[in-house]
Amino acid sequence: MVDTVSGYAGGRTKNPDYKSVSAGGTGHLEVVKVTFDPEVVSYRQLVDYFWRTVNPTDAGGQFCDRGESYQTAIFAQDEAQKKAAEESKAALEASKVLKWPVVTPVRVETQFWPAEDYHQNYYQVNSLKYKYYRYGCGRDARLKELWGDTAGKFAGS
């Protein structure tokens, strides 16, 4: 990984902020823009890893975060990325690892809007609050239920 930036994408409004996005109605999702070195890790590897960090079977949000802004999606920058993401999704579905259908869509990238400074690296800056949130929402337990020992890990690791 070279860089990650928290932000918003996929919506209809310009210059969204956390308050408007989390209230709903903007069409934006909370996203992370990942800049990576393809000499080190491929886009497909990142997508395969992504699946194991979310619940791709939940169309209503993620864990205790509910609503449109918390839905999962993969935003592809070009046709090659779109194809790789769709192939990864098809392989996941064919594997029958998950008990429910994968509802995470592969979408064409739209305008990315960086989130406010206080959202950047939140898990590091507010580590205690973030750990409490993860535990309180049952995120890790649900990921373990979905993915077993591969939860949060690169495929094959």
N, C-alpha and C. Protein backbone atom coordinates (compact mmCIF):
# COMPACT_ATOMS: atom_id res chain seq x y z
N MET A 1 0.85 -1.16 0.00
CA MET A 1 0.00 0.00 0.00
C MET A 1 0.90 1.24 0.00
N VAL A 2 0.52 2.20 -0.77
CA VAL A 2 1.26 3.45 -0.80
C VAL A 2 0.54 4.51 0.03
N ASP A 3 -0.81 4.55 -0.09
CA ASP A 3 -1.56 5.57 0.63
C ASP A 3 -3.03 5.17 0.70
N THR A 4 -3.69 5.60 1.76
CA THR A 4 -5.14 5.45 1.88
C THR A 4 -5.72 6.78 2.34
N VAL A 5 -6.88 7.11 1.79
CA VAL A 5 -7.58 8.34 2.15
C VAL A 5 -9.05 7.99 2.35
N SER A 6 -9.60 8.34 3.49
CA SER A 6 -11.02 8.16 3.74
C SER A 6 -11.80 9.24 3.00
N GLY A 7 -12.98 8.87 2.51
CA GLY A 7 -13.77 9.87 1.80
C GLY A 7 -15.14 9.36 1.41
N TYR A 8 -15.67 9.99 0.38
CA TYR A 8 -17.03 9.72 -0.08
C TYR A 8 -17.01 9.61 -1.60
N ALA A 9 -17.86 8.71 -2.14
CA ALA A 9 -17.96 8.55 -3.59
C ALA A 9 -19.31 7.96 -3.94
N GLY A 10 -19.66 8.09 -5.20
CA GLY A 10 -20.85 7.45 -5.73
C GLY A 10 -22.13 8.26 -5.64
N GLY A 11 -22.06 9.45 -5.10
CA GLY A 11 -23.29 10.21 -4.87
C GLY A 11 -23.55 11.32 -5.86
N ARG A 12 -24.57 12.08 -5.54
CA ARG A 12 -25.05 13.13 -6.43
C ARG A 12 -24.66 14.54 -6.01
N THR A 13 -24.22 14.72 -4.78
CA THR A 13 -23.94 16.07 -4.29
C THR A 13 -22.45 16.39 -4.38
N LYS A 14 -22.15 17.67 -4.55
CA LYS A 14 -20.76 18.12 -4.58
C LYS A 14 -20.31 18.48 -3.17
N ASN A 15 -19.03 18.25 -2.91
CA ASN A 15 -18.43 18.58 -1.61
C ASN A 15 -19.21 18.01 -0.42
N PRO A 16 -19.49 16.71 -0.43
CA PRO A 16 -20.23 16.13 0.69
C PRO A 16 -19.40 16.17 1.96
N ASP A 17 -20.09 16.13 3.08
CA ASP A 17 -19.42 16.03 4.38
C ASP A 17 -20.06 14.90 5.16
N TYR A 18 -19.42 14.54 6.27
CA TYR A 18 -19.89 13.39 7.04
C TYR A 18 -21.35 13.54 7.47
N LYS A 19 -21.71 14.72 7.92
CA LYS A 19 -23.07 14.93 8.41
C LYS A 19 -24.10 14.65 7.32
N SER A 20 -23.88 15.19 6.12
CA SER A 20 -24.86 14.99 5.05
C SER A 20 -24.85 13.56 4.53
N VAL A 21 -23.68 12.96 4.42
CA VAL A 21 -23.57 11.59 3.90
C VAL A 21 -24.20 10.61 4.87
N SER A 22 -23.88 10.73 6.16
CA SER A 22 -24.42 9.78 7.14
C SER A 22 -25.92 9.97 7.36
N ALA A 23 -26.44 11.15 7.07
CA ALA A 23 -27.89 11.37 7.18
C ALA A 23 -28.66 10.66 6.06
N GLY A 24 -27.97 10.37 4.96
CA GLY A 24 -28.61 9.69 3.83
C GLY A 24 -29.17 10.67 2.83
N GLY A 25 -29.46 10.16 1.66
CA GLY A 25 -30.08 10.97 0.62
C GLY A 25 -29.11 11.58 -0.37
N THR A 26 -27.81 11.52 -0.09
CA THR A 26 -26.83 12.08 -1.03
C THR A 26 -26.41 11.07 -2.08
N GLY A 27 -26.61 9.79 -1.79
CA GLY A 27 -26.16 8.72 -2.66
C GLY A 27 -24.71 8.34 -2.46
N HIS A 28 -23.99 9.10 -1.64
CA HIS A 28 -22.58 8.80 -1.40
C HIS A 28 -22.41 7.63 -0.45
N LEU A 29 -21.33 6.90 -0.65
CA LEU A 29 -20.90 5.88 0.29
C LEU A 29 -19.64 6.36 0.98
N GLU A 30 -19.45 5.93 2.21
CA GLU A 30 -18.17 6.16 2.87
C GLU A 30 -17.20 5.16 2.25
N VAL A 31 -16.08 5.67 1.74
CA VAL A 31 -15.13 4.82 1.02
C VAL A 31 -13.70 5.09 1.47
N VAL A 32 -12.81 4.23 1.03
CA VAL A 32 -11.38 4.43 1.22
C VAL A 32 -10.74 4.37 -0.17
N LYS A 33 -10.02 5.41 -0.51
CA LYS A 33 -9.28 5.43 -1.77
C LYS A 33 -7.90 4.85 -1.47
N VAL A 34 -7.55 3.80 -2.20
CA VAL A 34 -6.29 3.11 -1.98
C VAL A 34 -5.37 3.37 -3.16
N THR A 35 -4.22 3.93 -2.88
CA THR A 35 -3.17 4.09 -3.89
C THR A 35 -2.16 2.98 -3.61
N PHE A 36 -1.84 2.22 -4.64
CA PHE A 36 -0.96 1.06 -4.43
C PHE A 36 0.06 0.96 -5.55
N ASP A 37 1.09 0.19 -5.29
CA ASP A 37 2.15 -0.07 -6.26
C ASP A 37 1.89 -1.44 -6.88
N PRO A 38 1.49 -1.50 -8.15
CA PRO A 38 1.18 -2.79 -8.77
C PRO A 38 2.38 -3.72 -8.91
N GLU A 39 3.57 -3.19 -8.67
CA GLU A 39 4.78 -4.04 -8.66
C GLU A 39 4.84 -4.85 -7.35
N VAL A 40 4.13 -4.37 -6.34
CA VAL A 40 4.14 -5.01 -5.02
C VAL A 40 2.89 -5.85 -4.79
N VAL A 41 1.73 -5.30 -5.14
CA VAL A 41 0.46 -5.99 -4.95
C VAL A 41 -0.44 -5.66 -6.13
N SER A 42 -1.15 -6.65 -6.63
CA SER A 42 -2.04 -6.41 -7.77
C SER A 42 -3.40 -5.90 -7.30
N TYR A 43 -4.10 -5.29 -8.23
CA TYR A 43 -5.46 -4.83 -7.93
C TYR A 43 -6.32 -6.02 -7.52
N ARG A 44 -6.19 -7.13 -8.23
CA ARG A 44 -6.98 -8.33 -7.91
C ARG A 44 -6.69 -8.80 -6.48
N GLN A 45 -5.43 -8.77 -6.06
CA GLN A 45 -5.11 -9.16 -4.68
C GLN A 45 -5.79 -8.23 -3.68
N LEU A 46 -5.83 -6.94 -3.99
CA LEU A 46 -6.50 -6.00 -3.09
C LEU A 46 -8.00 -6.28 -3.01
N VAL A 47 -8.60 -6.59 -4.15
CA VAL A 47 -10.04 -6.90 -4.15
C VAL A 47 -10.29 -8.18 -3.37
N ASP A 48 -9.46 -9.20 -3.59
CA ASP A 48 -9.63 -10.46 -2.85
C ASP A 48 -9.49 -10.23 -1.34
N TYR A 49 -8.60 -9.34 -0.96
CA TYR A 49 -8.44 -8.99 0.45
C TYR A 49 -9.66 -8.21 0.97
N PHE A 50 -10.14 -7.27 0.17
CA PHE A 50 -11.29 -6.46 0.56
C PHE A 50 -12.46 -7.33 1.02
N TRP A 51 -12.76 -8.38 0.26
CA TRP A 51 -13.91 -9.23 0.62
C TRP A 51 -13.81 -9.70 2.06
N ARG A 52 -12.61 -10.04 2.51
CA ARG A 52 -12.43 -10.62 3.84
C ARG A 52 -12.41 -9.59 4.96
N THR A 53 -12.63 -8.33 4.62
CA THR A 53 -12.66 -7.27 5.64
C THR A 53 -14.05 -6.67 5.80
N VAL A 54 -15.00 -7.15 5.01
CA VAL A 54 -16.37 -6.64 5.05
C VAL A 54 -17.36 -7.80 5.04
N ASN A 55 -18.64 -7.45 5.18
CA ASN A 55 -19.70 -8.43 4.99
C ASN A 55 -20.33 -8.13 3.63
N PRO A 56 -19.88 -8.81 2.58
CA PRO A 56 -20.41 -8.52 1.24
C PRO A 56 -21.80 -9.09 0.98
N THR A 57 -22.40 -9.69 2.00
CA THR A 57 -23.74 -10.26 1.85
C THR A 57 -24.82 -9.35 2.44
N ASP A 58 -24.43 -8.21 2.96
CA ASP A 58 -25.36 -7.31 3.66
C ASP A 58 -25.61 -6.05 2.83
N ALA A 59 -26.79 -5.95 2.25
CA ALA A 59 -27.13 -4.79 1.42
C ALA A 59 -27.56 -3.57 2.24
N GLY A 60 -27.75 -3.74 3.53
CA GLY A 60 -28.26 -2.65 4.36
C GLY A 60 -27.22 -1.84 5.10
N GLY A 61 -25.95 -2.17 4.90
CA GLY A 61 -24.89 -1.46 5.60
C GLY A 61 -23.84 -2.44 6.07
N GLN A 62 -23.11 -2.05 7.09
CA GLN A 62 -22.06 -2.90 7.63
C GLN A 62 -22.16 -2.94 9.14
N PHE A 63 -22.36 -4.15 9.66
CA PHE A 63 -22.36 -4.39 11.09
C PHE A 63 -23.39 -3.48 11.75
N CYS A 64 -23.03 -2.63 12.72
CA CYS A 64 -24.06 -1.80 13.35
C CYS A 64 -24.27 -0.48 12.59
N ASP A 65 -23.47 -0.23 11.57
CA ASP A 65 -23.65 0.97 10.74
C ASP A 65 -24.64 0.64 9.62
N ARG A 66 -25.79 1.26 9.67
CA ARG A 66 -26.87 0.92 8.75
C ARG A 66 -27.17 2.12 7.85
N GLY A 67 -27.66 1.84 6.66
CA GLY A 67 -28.07 2.89 5.73
C GLY A 67 -27.19 2.92 4.49
N GLU A 68 -27.64 3.73 3.53
CA GLU A 68 -26.99 3.74 2.22
C GLU A 68 -25.52 4.10 2.27
N SER A 69 -25.12 4.99 3.14
CA SER A 69 -23.72 5.43 3.14
C SER A 69 -22.78 4.34 3.64
N TYR A 70 -23.31 3.30 4.27
CA TYR A 70 -22.49 2.23 4.81
C TYR A 70 -22.53 0.96 3.97
N GLN A 71 -23.20 1.02 2.82
CA GLN A 71 -23.22 -0.13 1.92
C GLN A 71 -21.83 -0.31 1.31
N THR A 72 -21.51 -1.54 0.96
CA THR A 72 -20.21 -1.81 0.34
C THR A 72 -20.31 -1.67 -1.18
N ALA A 73 -19.20 -1.32 -1.79
CA ALA A 73 -19.07 -1.26 -3.24
C ALA A 73 -17.59 -1.28 -3.58
N ILE A 74 -17.30 -1.73 -4.77
CA ILE A 74 -15.94 -1.64 -5.31
C ILE A 74 -16.03 -0.66 -6.47
N PHE A 75 -15.22 0.40 -6.41
CA PHE A 75 -15.19 1.39 -7.47
C PHE A 75 -13.96 1.14 -8.33
N ALA A 76 -14.18 0.75 -9.56
CA ALA A 76 -13.09 0.46 -10.50
C ALA A 76 -12.75 1.72 -11.29
N GLN A 77 -11.45 1.96 -11.48
CA GLN A 77 -11.00 3.15 -12.22
C GLN A 77 -11.03 2.97 -13.73
N ASP A 78 -10.97 1.73 -14.19
CA ASP A 78 -10.94 1.49 -15.63
C ASP A 78 -11.51 0.10 -15.92
N GLU A 79 -11.56 -0.25 -17.19
CA GLU A 79 -12.15 -1.54 -17.58
C GLU A 79 -11.35 -2.72 -17.04
N ALA A 80 -10.02 -2.60 -17.00
CA ALA A 80 -9.20 -3.69 -16.47
C ALA A 80 -9.51 -3.95 -15.00
N GLN A 81 -9.65 -2.87 -14.23
CA GLN A 81 -10.00 -3.03 -12.81
C GLN A 81 -11.41 -3.58 -12.67
N LYS A 82 -12.32 -3.09 -13.48
CA LYS A 82 -13.70 -3.59 -13.41
C LYS A 82 -13.74 -5.08 -13.69
N LYS A 83 -13.01 -5.51 -14.72
CA LYS A 83 -12.98 -6.94 -15.06
C LYS A 83 -12.37 -7.75 -13.92
N ALA A 84 -11.26 -7.28 -13.36
CA ALA A 84 -10.62 -7.99 -12.25
C ALA A 84 -11.55 -8.10 -11.04
N ALA A 85 -12.25 -7.03 -10.73
CA ALA A 85 -13.18 -7.04 -9.59
C ALA A 85 -14.36 -7.97 -9.85
N GLU A 86 -14.89 -7.95 -11.06
CA GLU A 86 -16.01 -8.83 -11.39
C GLU A 86 -15.58 -10.30 -11.38
N GLU A 87 -14.36 -10.57 -11.85
CA GLU A 87 -13.84 -11.94 -11.80
C GLU A 87 -13.63 -12.40 -10.36
N SER A 88 -13.14 -11.53 -9.52
CA SER A 88 -12.96 -11.85 -8.12
C SER A 88 -14.31 -12.14 -7.46
N LYS A 89 -15.29 -11.32 -7.75
CA LYS A 89 -16.63 -11.52 -7.19
C LYS A 89 -17.22 -12.84 -7.67
N ALA A 90 -17.07 -13.14 -8.95
CA ALA A 90 -17.59 -14.39 -9.50
C ALA A 90 -16.89 -15.59 -8.85
N ALA A 91 -15.58 -15.49 -8.65
CA ALA A 91 -14.84 -16.58 -8.01
C ALA A 91 -15.31 -16.78 -6.57
N LEU A 92 -15.55 -15.67 -5.88
CA LEU A 92 -16.04 -15.76 -4.51
C LEU A 92 -17.40 -16.44 -4.48
N GLU A 93 -18.30 -16.03 -5.36
CA GLU A 93 -19.63 -16.63 -5.40
C GLU A 93 -19.55 -18.12 -5.75
N ALA A 94 -18.70 -18.47 -6.70
CA ALA A 94 -18.56 -19.87 -7.12
C ALA A 94 -17.95 -20.73 -6.02
N SER A 95 -17.15 -20.14 -5.15
CA SER A 95 -16.50 -20.90 -4.09
C SER A 95 -17.48 -21.40 -3.04
N LYS A 96 -18.62 -20.74 -2.92
CA LYS A 96 -19.63 -21.08 -1.92
C LYS A 96 -19.09 -20.96 -0.48
N VAL A 97 -18.06 -20.14 -0.31
CA VAL A 97 -17.51 -19.90 1.02
C VAL A 97 -18.56 -19.22 1.90
N LEU A 98 -19.32 -18.31 1.32
CA LEU A 98 -20.34 -17.59 2.05
C LEU A 98 -21.69 -18.29 1.91
N LYS A 99 -22.49 -18.22 2.94
CA LYS A 99 -23.80 -18.88 2.94
C LYS A 99 -24.87 -18.09 2.21
N TRP A 100 -24.60 -16.82 1.94
CA TRP A 100 -25.57 -15.94 1.32
C TRP A 100 -24.99 -15.32 0.06
N PRO A 101 -25.82 -14.80 -0.82
CA PRO A 101 -25.31 -14.17 -2.06
C PRO A 101 -24.49 -12.91 -1.77
N VAL A 102 -23.51 -12.67 -2.62
CA VAL A 102 -22.69 -11.46 -2.54
C VAL A 102 -23.47 -10.32 -3.19
N VAL A 103 -23.75 -9.28 -2.42
CA VAL A 103 -24.55 -8.16 -2.93
C VAL A 103 -23.73 -6.91 -3.22
N THR A 104 -22.43 -6.95 -2.91
CA THR A 104 -21.56 -5.81 -3.15
C THR A 104 -21.43 -5.59 -4.65
N PRO A 105 -21.81 -4.41 -5.16
CA PRO A 105 -21.67 -4.15 -6.59
C PRO A 105 -20.27 -3.69 -6.97
N VAL A 106 -19.93 -3.93 -8.23
CA VAL A 106 -18.73 -3.34 -8.82
C VAL A 106 -19.22 -2.16 -9.63
N ARG A 107 -18.73 -0.98 -9.29
CA ARG A 107 -19.20 0.25 -9.93
C ARG A 107 -18.05 0.97 -10.61
N VAL A 108 -18.40 1.79 -11.57
CA VAL A 108 -17.40 2.64 -12.22
C VAL A 108 -17.09 3.79 -11.27
N GLU A 109 -15.81 4.09 -11.13
CA GLU A 109 -15.40 5.15 -10.21
C GLU A 109 -16.04 6.48 -10.60
N THR A 110 -16.44 7.19 -9.59
CA THR A 110 -16.99 8.53 -9.78
C THR A 110 -16.07 9.51 -9.05
N GLN A 111 -16.47 10.71 -8.94
CA GLN A 111 -15.70 11.71 -8.19
C GLN A 111 -15.47 11.23 -6.77
N PHE A 112 -14.24 11.33 -6.31
CA PHE A 112 -13.89 11.01 -4.93
C PHE A 112 -13.74 12.32 -4.17
N TRP A 113 -14.35 12.38 -3.00
CA TRP A 113 -14.27 13.55 -2.15
C TRP A 113 -13.60 13.13 -0.84
N PRO A 114 -12.44 13.69 -0.51
CA PRO A 114 -11.80 13.34 0.77
C PRO A 114 -12.68 13.74 1.95
N ALA A 115 -12.67 12.88 2.96
CA ALA A 115 -13.42 13.18 4.19
C ALA A 115 -12.67 14.23 5.01
N GLU A 116 -13.34 14.73 5.99
CA GLU A 116 -12.77 15.72 6.90
C GLU A 116 -11.52 15.15 7.57
N ASP A 117 -10.64 16.02 8.01
CA ASP A 117 -9.38 15.61 8.62
C ASP A 117 -9.59 14.65 9.78
N TYR A 118 -10.62 14.87 10.59
CA TYR A 118 -10.81 14.02 11.76
C TYR A 118 -11.19 12.58 11.41
N HIS A 119 -11.54 12.32 10.14
CA HIS A 119 -11.83 10.95 9.70
C HIS A 119 -10.59 10.23 9.18
N GLN A 120 -9.55 10.96 8.87
CA GLN A 120 -8.34 10.34 8.32
C GLN A 120 -7.60 9.56 9.41
N ASN A 121 -7.26 8.33 9.09
CA ASN A 121 -6.53 7.46 10.03
C ASN A 121 -7.19 7.38 11.40
N TYR A 122 -8.51 7.39 11.41
CA TYR A 122 -9.27 7.41 12.66
C TYR A 122 -8.87 6.25 13.57
N TYR A 123 -8.66 5.08 12.99
CA TYR A 123 -8.33 3.90 13.80
C TYR A 123 -6.99 4.06 14.53
N GLN A 124 -6.11 4.91 14.00
CA GLN A 124 -4.83 5.16 14.67
C GLN A 124 -4.93 6.33 15.66
N VAL A 125 -5.55 7.41 15.22
CA VAL A 125 -5.65 8.62 16.03
C VAL A 125 -6.56 8.40 17.25
N ASN A 126 -7.59 7.61 17.07
CA ASN A 126 -8.56 7.33 18.14
C ASN A 126 -8.63 5.82 18.37
N SER A 127 -7.52 5.20 18.60
CA SER A 127 -7.46 3.74 18.63
C SER A 127 -8.37 3.12 19.69
N LEU A 128 -8.45 3.70 20.86
CA LEU A 128 -9.30 3.13 21.90
C LEU A 128 -10.77 3.19 21.50
N LYS A 129 -11.22 4.34 21.01
CA LYS A 129 -12.61 4.47 20.54
C LYS A 129 -12.89 3.50 19.41
N TYR A 130 -11.93 3.38 18.48
CA TYR A 130 -12.14 2.49 17.34
C TYR A 130 -12.22 1.03 17.80
N LYS A 131 -11.37 0.61 18.71
CA LYS A 131 -11.41 -0.76 19.21
C LYS A 131 -12.74 -1.03 19.91
N TYR A 132 -13.21 -0.06 20.68
CA TYR A 132 -14.50 -0.21 21.36
C TYR A 132 -15.63 -0.33 20.34
N TYR A 133 -15.59 0.51 19.30
CA TYR A 133 -16.59 0.46 18.23
C TYR A 133 -16.60 -0.92 17.57
N ARG A 134 -15.42 -1.42 17.20
CA ARG A 134 -15.32 -2.74 16.54
C ARG A 134 -15.92 -3.82 17.43
N TYR A 135 -15.59 -3.78 18.70
CA TYR A 135 -16.10 -4.78 19.62
C TYR A 135 -17.61 -4.61 19.81
N GLY A 136 -18.05 -3.37 20.08
CA GLY A 136 -19.46 -3.10 20.33
C GLY A 136 -20.35 -3.45 19.16
N CYS A 137 -19.84 -3.26 17.96
CA CYS A 137 -20.62 -3.58 16.75
C CYS A 137 -20.56 -5.06 16.40
N GLY A 138 -19.68 -5.78 17.03
CA GLY A 138 -19.54 -7.19 16.71
C GLY A 138 -18.86 -7.44 15.37
N ARG A 139 -18.12 -6.44 14.91
CA ARG A 139 -17.48 -6.55 13.59
C ARG A 139 -16.57 -7.77 13.49
N ASP A 140 -15.65 -7.91 14.41
CA ASP A 140 -14.69 -9.01 14.32
C ASP A 140 -15.38 -10.36 14.47
N ALA A 141 -16.35 -10.44 15.35
CA ALA A 141 -17.08 -11.70 15.52
C ALA A 141 -17.84 -12.06 14.24
N ARG A 142 -18.46 -11.08 13.62
CA ARG A 142 -19.20 -11.35 12.38
C ARG A 142 -18.26 -11.73 11.25
N LEU A 143 -17.11 -11.05 11.15
CA LEU A 143 -16.14 -11.42 10.12
C LEU A 143 -15.65 -12.85 10.33
N LYS A 144 -15.40 -13.22 11.56
CA LYS A 144 -14.98 -14.59 11.87
C LYS A 144 -16.06 -15.59 11.49
N GLU A 145 -17.32 -15.22 11.76
CA GLU A 145 -18.44 -16.09 11.41
C GLU A 145 -18.52 -16.28 9.88
N LEU A 146 -18.31 -15.20 9.15
CA LEU A 146 -18.39 -15.26 7.68
C LEU A 146 -17.18 -15.96 7.06
N TRP A 147 -15.99 -15.59 7.51
CA TRP A 147 -14.75 -15.96 6.83
C TRP A 147 -13.89 -16.97 7.57
N GLY A 148 -14.22 -17.27 8.81
CA GLY A 148 -13.38 -18.20 9.57
C GLY A 148 -11.99 -17.62 9.78
N ASP A 149 -10.99 -18.47 9.64
CA ASP A 149 -9.60 -18.06 9.88
C ASP A 149 -9.05 -17.14 8.80
N THR A 150 -9.76 -16.96 7.68
CA THR A 150 -9.27 -16.08 6.62
C THR A 150 -9.77 -14.64 6.78
N ALA A 151 -10.57 -14.37 7.80
CA ALA A 151 -11.09 -13.02 8.04
C ALA A 151 -9.95 -12.04 8.17
N GLY A 152 -10.00 -10.95 7.39
CA GLY A 152 -9.02 -9.90 7.48
C GLY A 152 -7.64 -10.25 6.96
N LYS A 153 -7.54 -11.34 6.20
CA LYS A 153 -6.22 -11.77 5.69
C LYS A 153 -6.23 -11.83 4.17
N PHE A 154 -5.05 -11.66 3.60
CA PHE A 154 -4.90 -11.85 2.17
C PHE A 154 -5.18 -13.32 1.86
N ALA A 155 -5.80 -13.58 0.71
CA ALA A 155 -6.09 -14.96 0.31
C ALA A 155 -4.78 -15.74 0.29
N GLY A 156 -4.81 -16.93 0.87
CA GLY A 156 -3.64 -17.78 0.88
C GLY A 156 -2.67 -17.49 2.01
N SER A 157 -2.96 -16.46 2.82
CA SER A 157 -2.02 -16.16 3.92
C SER A 157 -2.41 -16.88 5.19
